[in-house]
Amino acid sequence: MGSVFRTITVEDLAIFTIINSLMILIVLFMNLANRSRFKWLKGRYVKFMSGAGEGNMEQLIEECLKQVNEVKQKNREIENQINHIERNLLQAIQKVGIIRFNAFENMGGDFSFSIALLDSNDNGIVMTVLHSRENSSAYAKPIIGGKSRYTLSAEEIQAIEQARKNHLERFYKD
């Protein structure tokens, strides 16, 4: 029966020592890498926790949630105010058109004019001022949906059309 044990030679010990030394170096480098990573994580943890002050993280999170809810409520209030402003803006004068003309043959210059002041629904007024050498007269007519129950002059119709056109040009320009 042969022996299971074999004699260890000096060459075997040298190889064993080299392998052990390499393994120790690998473990040493892994340990250094882990220490560096641990130090980085500890720094991040300290930085994160420094904002907590005396309270714990649960209190900090609850405070943040409370502030988020307050911001949400304020946003809802602002949205409601914006909607109210937008509804009011629909009734504000948004369309303006002015036509100057010479109302009387014997006058030199376009001193008479018609001006249309309309909201987004083409509601508003058209006003005409007729200027002569002796006096000036002003007339205003209500406009609803771009039309009036009073007869409109050609200049007043032009002023309304120009107001609509100017508004469309600004709308598509922006």
N, C-alpha and C. Protein backbone atom coordinates (compact mmCIF):
# COMPACT_ATOMS: atom_id res chain seq x y z
N MET A 1 0.83 -1.16 0.00
CA MET A 1 0.00 0.00 0.00
C MET A 1 0.88 1.24 0.00
N GLY A 2 0.57 2.12 -0.85
CA GLY A 2 1.37 3.31 -0.98
C GLY A 2 0.93 4.39 0.01
N SER A 3 1.79 5.25 0.29
CA SER A 3 1.52 6.32 1.23
C SER A 3 0.76 7.44 0.52
N VAL A 4 -0.19 7.97 1.19
CA VAL A 4 -1.00 9.05 0.65
C VAL A 4 -0.26 10.38 0.78
N PHE A 5 0.61 10.42 1.70
CA PHE A 5 1.32 11.68 1.94
C PHE A 5 2.52 11.78 1.05
N ARG A 6 2.79 12.95 0.66
CA ARG A 6 3.92 13.20 -0.20
C ARG A 6 4.85 14.16 0.52
N THR A 7 6.04 14.10 0.23
CA THR A 7 7.03 14.93 0.87
C THR A 7 6.99 16.31 0.22
N ILE A 8 7.02 17.35 1.06
CA ILE A 8 6.99 18.72 0.57
C ILE A 8 8.42 19.16 0.33
N THR A 9 8.61 19.71 -0.81
CA THR A 9 9.96 20.15 -1.17
C THR A 9 10.07 21.65 -0.95
N VAL A 10 11.28 22.16 -1.05
CA VAL A 10 11.53 23.59 -0.91
C VAL A 10 10.84 24.36 -2.04
N GLU A 11 10.80 23.81 -3.19
CA GLU A 11 10.13 24.45 -4.32
C GLU A 11 8.64 24.57 -4.06
N ASP A 12 8.05 23.52 -3.45
CA ASP A 12 6.63 23.57 -3.11
C ASP A 12 6.37 24.67 -2.09
N LEU A 13 7.25 24.80 -1.09
CA LEU A 13 7.09 25.84 -0.08
C LEU A 13 7.21 27.22 -0.70
N ALA A 14 8.09 27.41 -1.64
CA ALA A 14 8.27 28.69 -2.29
C ALA A 14 7.00 29.08 -3.06
N ILE A 15 6.43 28.13 -3.77
CA ILE A 15 5.19 28.39 -4.53
C ILE A 15 4.05 28.71 -3.55
N PHE A 16 3.97 27.95 -2.48
CA PHE A 16 2.94 28.17 -1.47
C PHE A 16 3.10 29.56 -0.85
N THR A 17 4.30 29.96 -0.56
CA THR A 17 4.57 31.28 0.03
C THR A 17 4.20 32.39 -0.95
N ILE A 18 4.51 32.23 -2.20
CA ILE A 18 4.17 33.24 -3.22
C ILE A 18 2.66 33.37 -3.34
N ILE A 19 1.98 32.25 -3.39
CA ILE A 19 0.50 32.27 -3.50
C ILE A 19 -0.10 32.94 -2.27
N ASN A 20 0.38 32.59 -1.08
CA ASN A 20 -0.13 33.22 0.15
C ASN A 20 0.14 34.72 0.14
N SER A 21 1.33 35.11 -0.27
CA SER A 21 1.67 36.54 -0.32
C SER A 21 0.75 37.28 -1.28
N LEU A 22 0.48 36.69 -2.44
CA LEU A 22 -0.43 37.31 -3.40
C LEU A 22 -1.84 37.44 -2.82
N MET A 23 -2.29 36.41 -2.15
CA MET A 23 -3.63 36.44 -1.55
C MET A 23 -3.70 37.51 -0.46
N ILE A 24 -2.64 37.64 0.34
CA ILE A 24 -2.61 38.67 1.38
C ILE A 24 -2.64 40.06 0.75
N LEU A 25 -1.89 40.25 -0.33
CA LEU A 25 -1.91 41.54 -1.03
C LEU A 25 -3.30 41.87 -1.59
N ILE A 26 -3.94 40.86 -2.16
CA ILE A 26 -5.29 41.07 -2.70
C ILE A 26 -6.26 41.46 -1.59
N VAL A 27 -6.20 40.74 -0.46
CA VAL A 27 -7.07 41.05 0.68
C VAL A 27 -6.75 42.44 1.22
N LEU A 28 -5.49 42.80 1.27
CA LEU A 28 -5.09 44.12 1.74
C LEU A 28 -5.66 45.22 0.84
N PHE A 29 -5.55 45.06 -0.49
CA PHE A 29 -6.12 46.04 -1.42
C PHE A 29 -7.64 46.11 -1.29
N MET A 30 -8.30 44.98 -1.12
CA MET A 30 -9.75 44.98 -0.94
C MET A 30 -10.13 45.71 0.35
N ASN A 31 -9.34 45.50 1.41
CA ASN A 31 -9.58 46.17 2.68
C ASN A 31 -9.43 47.68 2.52
N LEU A 32 -8.39 48.13 1.83
CA LEU A 32 -8.20 49.56 1.60
C LEU A 32 -9.35 50.15 0.77
N ALA A 33 -9.78 49.43 -0.24
CA ALA A 33 -10.89 49.90 -1.07
C ALA A 33 -12.17 50.00 -0.23
N ASN A 34 -12.40 49.01 0.62
CA ASN A 34 -13.59 49.04 1.47
C ASN A 34 -13.53 50.18 2.48
N ARG A 35 -12.35 50.44 3.03
CA ARG A 35 -12.21 51.55 3.97
C ARG A 35 -12.50 52.88 3.26
N SER A 36 -11.98 53.02 2.07
CA SER A 36 -12.22 54.25 1.31
C SER A 36 -13.72 54.42 1.04
N ARG A 37 -14.36 53.35 0.61
CA ARG A 37 -15.80 53.39 0.34
C ARG A 37 -16.58 53.68 1.62
N PHE A 38 -16.18 53.06 2.73
CA PHE A 38 -16.85 53.28 4.01
C PHE A 38 -16.71 54.74 4.44
N LYS A 39 -15.52 55.30 4.28
CA LYS A 39 -15.28 56.69 4.63
C LYS A 39 -16.16 57.62 3.80
N TRP A 40 -16.29 57.32 2.50
CA TRP A 40 -17.14 58.12 1.61
C TRP A 40 -18.60 58.02 2.05
N LEU A 41 -19.06 56.79 2.34
CA LEU A 41 -20.45 56.60 2.78
C LEU A 41 -20.70 57.29 4.12
N LYS A 42 -19.74 57.20 5.02
CA LYS A 42 -19.90 57.84 6.33
C LYS A 42 -20.01 59.35 6.15
N GLY A 43 -19.19 59.93 5.26
CA GLY A 43 -19.27 61.37 4.99
C GLY A 43 -20.64 61.75 4.45
N ARG A 44 -21.15 60.94 3.53
CA ARG A 44 -22.49 61.21 2.97
C ARG A 44 -23.57 61.11 4.05
N TYR A 45 -23.44 60.11 4.93
CA TYR A 45 -24.40 59.89 6.01
C TYR A 45 -24.39 61.09 6.97
N VAL A 46 -23.18 61.53 7.35
CA VAL A 46 -23.07 62.67 8.27
C VAL A 46 -23.66 63.91 7.62
N LYS A 47 -23.38 64.12 6.36
CA LYS A 47 -23.92 65.28 5.65
C LYS A 47 -25.45 65.20 5.59
N PHE A 48 -25.97 64.01 5.30
CA PHE A 48 -27.42 63.82 5.22
C PHE A 48 -28.07 64.05 6.58
N MET A 49 -27.47 63.53 7.62
CA MET A 49 -28.06 63.61 8.95
C MET A 49 -27.85 64.97 9.59
N SER A 50 -26.90 65.75 9.12
CA SER A 50 -26.64 67.04 9.75
C SER A 50 -27.83 67.98 9.60
N GLY A 51 -28.65 67.81 8.57
CA GLY A 51 -29.84 68.65 8.40
C GLY A 51 -30.95 68.28 9.35
N ALA A 52 -30.86 67.15 10.00
CA ALA A 52 -31.94 66.70 10.87
C ALA A 52 -31.97 67.47 12.17
N GLY A 53 -30.85 68.03 12.63
CA GLY A 53 -30.83 68.78 13.88
C GLY A 53 -31.09 67.87 15.06
N GLU A 54 -31.91 68.36 15.99
CA GLU A 54 -32.20 67.58 17.19
C GLU A 54 -33.23 66.49 16.93
N GLY A 55 -34.09 66.68 15.94
CA GLY A 55 -35.16 65.73 15.67
C GLY A 55 -34.66 64.49 14.95
N ASN A 56 -35.53 63.55 14.81
CA ASN A 56 -35.16 62.34 14.08
C ASN A 56 -35.64 62.43 12.64
N MET A 57 -35.28 61.46 11.85
CA MET A 57 -35.62 61.46 10.43
C MET A 57 -37.13 61.44 10.20
N GLU A 58 -37.86 60.76 11.06
CA GLU A 58 -39.31 60.69 10.89
C GLU A 58 -39.92 62.08 11.00
N GLN A 59 -39.46 62.87 11.97
CA GLN A 59 -39.97 64.23 12.12
C GLN A 59 -39.59 65.09 10.92
N LEU A 60 -38.37 64.90 10.43
CA LEU A 60 -37.91 65.66 9.27
C LEU A 60 -38.77 65.34 8.05
N ILE A 61 -39.07 64.07 7.83
CA ILE A 61 -39.90 63.66 6.68
C ILE A 61 -41.32 64.20 6.84
N GLU A 62 -41.87 64.13 8.07
CA GLU A 62 -43.21 64.67 8.30
C GLU A 62 -43.27 66.16 8.01
N GLU A 63 -42.23 66.90 8.41
CA GLU A 63 -42.18 68.33 8.15
C GLU A 63 -42.12 68.61 6.65
N CYS A 64 -41.32 67.81 5.93
CA CYS A 64 -41.24 67.96 4.47
C CYS A 64 -42.59 67.69 3.82
N LEU A 65 -43.28 66.65 4.25
CA LEU A 65 -44.60 66.34 3.69
C LEU A 65 -45.60 67.46 3.99
N LYS A 66 -45.51 68.02 5.18
CA LYS A 66 -46.39 69.14 5.53
C LYS A 66 -46.14 70.32 4.59
N GLN A 67 -44.86 70.62 4.34
CA GLN A 67 -44.53 71.72 3.45
C GLN A 67 -44.99 71.44 2.02
N VAL A 68 -44.85 70.19 1.58
CA VAL A 68 -45.31 69.82 0.23
C VAL A 68 -46.82 70.04 0.12
N ASN A 69 -47.56 69.65 1.14
CA ASN A 69 -49.01 69.83 1.12
C ASN A 69 -49.39 71.31 1.12
N GLU A 70 -48.62 72.13 1.85
CA GLU A 70 -48.88 73.57 1.85
C GLU A 70 -48.62 74.16 0.46
N VAL A 71 -47.56 73.70 -0.19
CA VAL A 71 -47.24 74.19 -1.54
C VAL A 71 -48.34 73.75 -2.51
N LYS A 72 -48.82 72.52 -2.38
CA LYS A 72 -49.92 72.06 -3.25
C LYS A 72 -51.15 72.94 -3.06
N GLN A 73 -51.48 73.24 -1.81
CA GLN A 73 -52.66 74.08 -1.54
C GLN A 73 -52.47 75.47 -2.14
N LYS A 74 -51.27 76.04 -1.99
CA LYS A 74 -50.99 77.37 -2.54
C LYS A 74 -51.08 77.33 -4.07
N ASN A 75 -50.59 76.25 -4.69
CA ASN A 75 -50.70 76.11 -6.15
C ASN A 75 -52.16 76.07 -6.59
N ARG A 76 -53.01 75.35 -5.84
CA ARG A 76 -54.44 75.32 -6.18
C ARG A 76 -55.04 76.72 -6.11
N GLU A 77 -54.68 77.48 -5.07
CA GLU A 77 -55.18 78.84 -4.93
C GLU A 77 -54.71 79.71 -6.10
N ILE A 78 -53.45 79.57 -6.48
CA ILE A 78 -52.92 80.35 -7.60
C ILE A 78 -53.61 79.97 -8.90
N GLU A 79 -53.84 78.67 -9.12
CA GLU A 79 -54.56 78.22 -10.32
C GLU A 79 -55.96 78.80 -10.36
N ASN A 80 -56.65 78.85 -9.23
CA ASN A 80 -57.99 79.44 -9.17
C ASN A 80 -57.94 80.93 -9.50
N GLN A 81 -56.93 81.63 -8.97
CA GLN A 81 -56.79 83.05 -9.27
C GLN A 81 -56.51 83.26 -10.76
N ILE A 82 -55.66 82.43 -11.34
CA ILE A 82 -55.35 82.55 -12.77
C ILE A 82 -56.60 82.31 -13.59
N ASN A 83 -57.38 81.28 -13.25
CA ASN A 83 -58.63 81.01 -13.97
C ASN A 83 -59.58 82.20 -13.88
N HIS A 84 -59.67 82.81 -12.70
CA HIS A 84 -60.53 83.99 -12.52
C HIS A 84 -60.04 85.14 -13.40
N ILE A 85 -58.73 85.36 -13.41
CA ILE A 85 -58.15 86.44 -14.23
C ILE A 85 -58.40 86.17 -15.71
N GLU A 86 -58.23 84.92 -16.14
CA GLU A 86 -58.45 84.58 -17.55
C GLU A 86 -59.91 84.80 -17.94
N ARG A 87 -60.85 84.45 -17.05
CA ARG A 87 -62.27 84.69 -17.36
C ARG A 87 -62.55 86.18 -17.48
N ASN A 88 -61.95 86.99 -16.58
CA ASN A 88 -62.13 88.44 -16.66
C ASN A 88 -61.46 89.02 -17.90
N LEU A 89 -60.34 88.45 -18.27
CA LEU A 89 -59.60 88.95 -19.43
C LEU A 89 -60.41 88.78 -20.71
N LEU A 90 -61.26 87.75 -20.77
CA LEU A 90 -62.10 87.56 -21.96
C LEU A 90 -63.01 88.76 -22.20
N GLN A 91 -63.34 89.49 -21.11
CA GLN A 91 -64.24 90.64 -21.24
C GLN A 91 -63.48 91.95 -21.36
N ALA A 92 -62.16 91.91 -21.31
CA ALA A 92 -61.35 93.12 -21.44
C ALA A 92 -61.18 93.46 -22.92
N ILE A 93 -60.89 94.72 -23.18
CA ILE A 93 -60.66 95.15 -24.56
C ILE A 93 -59.38 94.48 -25.07
N GLN A 94 -59.53 93.73 -26.13
CA GLN A 94 -58.40 93.01 -26.71
C GLN A 94 -58.19 93.36 -28.18
N LYS A 95 -59.21 93.89 -28.78
CA LYS A 95 -59.16 94.18 -30.22
C LYS A 95 -59.45 95.66 -30.44
N VAL A 96 -58.51 96.31 -31.11
CA VAL A 96 -58.66 97.75 -31.37
C VAL A 96 -58.40 98.00 -32.85
N GLY A 97 -59.29 98.73 -33.45
CA GLY A 97 -59.11 99.13 -34.84
C GLY A 97 -59.52 100.58 -35.00
N ILE A 98 -58.74 101.34 -35.74
CA ILE A 98 -59.06 102.75 -35.94
C ILE A 98 -58.92 103.09 -37.42
N ILE A 99 -59.90 103.81 -37.92
CA ILE A 99 -59.92 104.27 -39.31
C ILE A 99 -60.06 105.79 -39.29
N ARG A 100 -59.12 106.46 -39.91
CA ARG A 100 -59.19 107.92 -40.05
C ARG A 100 -59.74 108.23 -41.45
N PHE A 101 -60.55 109.28 -41.51
CA PHE A 101 -61.12 109.62 -42.81
C PHE A 101 -61.51 111.10 -42.82
N ASN A 102 -61.74 111.57 -44.02
CA ASN A 102 -62.19 112.95 -44.24
C ASN A 102 -63.70 112.90 -44.37
N ALA A 103 -64.42 113.36 -43.33
CA ALA A 103 -65.88 113.26 -43.33
C ALA A 103 -66.54 114.29 -44.25
N PHE A 104 -65.88 115.41 -44.49
CA PHE A 104 -66.48 116.48 -45.29
C PHE A 104 -65.53 116.87 -46.41
N GLU A 105 -66.05 117.09 -47.56
CA GLU A 105 -65.25 117.38 -48.76
C GLU A 105 -64.42 118.64 -48.61
N ASN A 106 -64.97 119.65 -47.95
CA ASN A 106 -64.28 120.93 -47.89
C ASN A 106 -63.19 121.00 -46.81
N MET A 107 -62.97 119.90 -46.08
CA MET A 107 -61.95 119.85 -45.03
C MET A 107 -60.68 119.25 -45.61
N GLY A 108 -59.55 119.76 -45.21
CA GLY A 108 -58.28 119.20 -45.67
C GLY A 108 -57.71 118.29 -44.58
N GLY A 109 -57.60 117.02 -44.82
CA GLY A 109 -57.01 116.11 -43.84
C GLY A 109 -58.03 115.14 -43.28
N ASP A 110 -57.49 114.06 -42.73
CA ASP A 110 -58.35 113.01 -42.16
C ASP A 110 -58.47 113.24 -40.65
N PHE A 111 -59.33 114.24 -40.28
CA PHE A 111 -59.49 114.57 -38.87
C PHE A 111 -60.60 113.77 -38.20
N SER A 112 -61.46 113.15 -38.98
CA SER A 112 -62.53 112.32 -38.42
C SER A 112 -62.00 110.89 -38.29
N PHE A 113 -62.60 110.14 -37.36
CA PHE A 113 -62.16 108.75 -37.19
C PHE A 113 -63.26 107.90 -36.59
N SER A 114 -63.13 106.59 -36.83
CA SER A 114 -63.97 105.59 -36.17
C SER A 114 -63.02 104.63 -35.46
N ILE A 115 -63.34 104.32 -34.23
CA ILE A 115 -62.50 103.39 -33.45
C ILE A 115 -63.39 102.28 -32.89
N ALA A 116 -62.93 101.04 -33.06
CA ALA A 116 -63.65 99.89 -32.52
C ALA A 116 -62.84 99.34 -31.34
N LEU A 117 -63.52 99.15 -30.22
CA LEU A 117 -62.91 98.58 -29.00
C LEU A 117 -63.71 97.33 -28.64
N LEU A 118 -63.10 96.14 -28.85
CA LEU A 118 -63.83 94.88 -28.70
C LEU A 118 -63.11 93.94 -27.73
N ASP A 119 -63.91 93.08 -27.09
CA ASP A 119 -63.32 92.04 -26.24
C ASP A 119 -63.11 90.78 -27.07
N SER A 120 -62.79 89.67 -26.43
CA SER A 120 -62.48 88.44 -27.17
C SER A 120 -63.70 87.86 -27.89
N ASN A 121 -64.91 88.24 -27.45
CA ASN A 121 -66.13 87.75 -28.10
C ASN A 121 -66.70 88.76 -29.08
N ASP A 122 -65.92 89.76 -29.47
CA ASP A 122 -66.33 90.82 -30.38
C ASP A 122 -67.48 91.65 -29.81
N ASN A 123 -67.48 91.81 -28.49
CA ASN A 123 -68.43 92.69 -27.83
C ASN A 123 -67.69 93.96 -27.42
N GLY A 124 -68.36 95.10 -27.50
CA GLY A 124 -67.73 96.36 -27.11
C GLY A 124 -68.45 97.53 -27.72
N ILE A 125 -67.67 98.50 -28.22
CA ILE A 125 -68.27 99.69 -28.84
C ILE A 125 -67.47 100.06 -30.09
N VAL A 126 -68.17 100.81 -30.94
CA VAL A 126 -67.50 101.50 -32.03
C VAL A 126 -67.89 102.97 -31.86
N MET A 127 -66.86 103.81 -31.88
CA MET A 127 -67.10 105.22 -31.66
C MET A 127 -66.60 105.98 -32.89
N THR A 128 -67.41 106.94 -33.31
CA THR A 128 -67.06 107.76 -34.47
C THR A 128 -67.07 109.22 -34.05
N VAL A 129 -66.00 109.92 -34.45
CA VAL A 129 -65.91 111.36 -34.20
C VAL A 129 -65.83 112.02 -35.57
N LEU A 130 -66.80 112.90 -35.82
CA LEU A 130 -66.85 113.65 -37.08
C LEU A 130 -66.38 115.07 -36.79
N HIS A 131 -65.34 115.48 -37.51
CA HIS A 131 -64.74 116.79 -37.27
C HIS A 131 -65.02 117.71 -38.47
N SER A 132 -65.52 118.89 -38.17
CA SER A 132 -65.72 119.91 -39.22
C SER A 132 -65.07 121.20 -38.73
N ARG A 133 -65.11 122.24 -39.56
CA ARG A 133 -64.47 123.51 -39.17
C ARG A 133 -65.16 124.14 -37.96
N GLU A 134 -66.45 123.99 -37.89
CA GLU A 134 -67.22 124.65 -36.83
C GLU A 134 -67.31 123.84 -35.55
N ASN A 135 -67.40 122.50 -35.65
CA ASN A 135 -67.57 121.68 -34.44
C ASN A 135 -67.17 120.22 -34.71
N SER A 136 -67.23 119.45 -33.63
CA SER A 136 -66.99 118.01 -33.73
C SER A 136 -68.13 117.30 -33.02
N SER A 137 -68.49 116.14 -33.55
CA SER A 137 -69.56 115.34 -32.95
C SER A 137 -69.04 113.93 -32.74
N ALA A 138 -69.45 113.33 -31.64
CA ALA A 138 -69.02 111.96 -31.33
C ALA A 138 -70.25 111.08 -31.18
N TYR A 139 -70.14 109.87 -31.73
CA TYR A 139 -71.23 108.90 -31.67
C TYR A 139 -70.65 107.56 -31.24
N ALA A 140 -71.33 106.87 -30.34
CA ALA A 140 -70.89 105.54 -29.91
C ALA A 140 -72.04 104.57 -30.10
N LYS A 141 -71.69 103.38 -30.59
CA LYS A 141 -72.70 102.35 -30.82
C LYS A 141 -72.23 101.05 -30.17
N PRO A 142 -73.14 100.37 -29.46
CA PRO A 142 -72.74 99.10 -28.85
C PRO A 142 -72.56 98.01 -29.92
N ILE A 143 -71.59 97.15 -29.68
CA ILE A 143 -71.32 96.04 -30.60
C ILE A 143 -71.45 94.74 -29.80
N ILE A 144 -72.24 93.83 -30.32
CA ILE A 144 -72.42 92.52 -29.68
C ILE A 144 -72.18 91.46 -30.74
N GLY A 145 -71.18 90.64 -30.51
CA GLY A 145 -70.84 89.60 -31.48
C GLY A 145 -70.38 90.16 -32.81
N GLY A 146 -69.81 91.34 -32.80
CA GLY A 146 -69.30 91.95 -34.03
C GLY A 146 -70.36 92.71 -34.81
N LYS A 147 -71.59 92.79 -34.28
CA LYS A 147 -72.69 93.47 -34.98
C LYS A 147 -73.34 94.47 -34.04
N SER A 148 -74.05 95.43 -34.64
CA SER A 148 -74.76 96.43 -33.85
C SER A 148 -76.22 96.46 -34.29
N ARG A 149 -77.08 96.82 -33.37
CA ARG A 149 -78.50 96.96 -33.74
C ARG A 149 -78.73 98.29 -34.43
N TYR A 150 -77.70 99.16 -34.38
CA TYR A 150 -77.75 100.44 -35.09
C TYR A 150 -77.04 100.28 -36.43
N THR A 151 -77.43 101.07 -37.39
CA THR A 151 -76.79 101.03 -38.70
C THR A 151 -75.36 101.53 -38.58
N LEU A 152 -74.45 100.76 -39.13
CA LEU A 152 -73.03 101.11 -39.07
C LEU A 152 -72.60 101.76 -40.38
N SER A 153 -71.75 102.77 -40.27
CA SER A 153 -71.21 103.40 -41.47
C SER A 153 -70.11 102.50 -42.04
N ALA A 154 -69.68 102.81 -43.24
CA ALA A 154 -68.62 102.02 -43.87
C ALA A 154 -67.34 102.10 -43.04
N GLU A 155 -67.03 103.28 -42.48
CA GLU A 155 -65.82 103.45 -41.67
C GLU A 155 -65.92 102.64 -40.37
N GLU A 156 -67.10 102.60 -39.78
CA GLU A 156 -67.28 101.83 -38.54
C GLU A 156 -67.11 100.33 -38.81
N ILE A 157 -67.64 99.87 -39.92
CA ILE A 157 -67.46 98.46 -40.31
C ILE A 157 -65.98 98.17 -40.54
N GLN A 158 -65.29 99.11 -41.21
CA GLN A 158 -63.84 98.93 -41.45
C GLN A 158 -63.08 98.88 -40.12
N ALA A 159 -63.46 99.73 -39.17
CA ALA A 159 -62.78 99.75 -37.87
C ALA A 159 -62.96 98.42 -37.14
N ILE A 160 -64.17 97.86 -37.21
CA ILE A 160 -64.43 96.55 -36.57
C ILE A 160 -63.61 95.46 -37.26
N GLU A 161 -63.61 95.49 -38.59
CA GLU A 161 -62.82 94.48 -39.32
C GLU A 161 -61.33 94.62 -39.03
N GLN A 162 -60.85 95.84 -38.93
CA GLN A 162 -59.43 96.05 -38.64
C GLN A 162 -59.09 95.57 -37.22
N ALA A 163 -59.99 95.80 -36.27
CA ALA A 163 -59.76 95.33 -34.90
C ALA A 163 -59.62 93.81 -34.89
N ARG A 164 -60.52 93.13 -35.59
CA ARG A 164 -60.43 91.67 -35.67
C ARG A 164 -59.13 91.24 -36.35
N LYS A 165 -58.79 91.90 -37.44
CA LYS A 165 -57.58 91.54 -38.20
C LYS A 165 -56.32 91.78 -37.36
N ASN A 166 -56.24 92.94 -36.70
CA ASN A 166 -55.08 93.24 -35.86
C ASN A 166 -54.91 92.21 -34.76
N HIS A 167 -56.02 91.80 -34.18
CA HIS A 167 -55.96 90.80 -33.10
C HIS A 167 -55.47 89.46 -33.64
N LEU A 168 -55.97 89.05 -34.79
CA LEU A 168 -55.53 87.78 -35.38
C LEU A 168 -54.05 87.82 -35.73
N GLU A 169 -53.60 88.96 -36.27
CA GLU A 169 -52.18 89.08 -36.62
C GLU A 169 -51.31 88.99 -35.38
N ARG A 170 -51.71 89.63 -34.29
CA ARG A 170 -50.94 89.54 -33.03
C ARG A 170 -51.00 88.14 -32.47
N PHE A 171 -52.17 87.50 -32.56
CA PHE A 171 -52.36 86.15 -32.02
C PHE A 171 -51.45 85.15 -32.73
N TYR A 172 -51.43 85.21 -34.05
CA TYR A 172 -50.60 84.25 -34.81
C TYR A 172 -49.13 84.64 -34.82
N LYS A 173 -48.84 85.92 -34.55
CA LYS A 173 -47.45 86.37 -34.47
C LYS A 173 -46.79 85.83 -33.21
N ASP A 174 -47.52 85.86 -32.09
CA ASP A 174 -46.98 85.39 -30.81
C ASP A 174 -46.91 83.90 -30.83
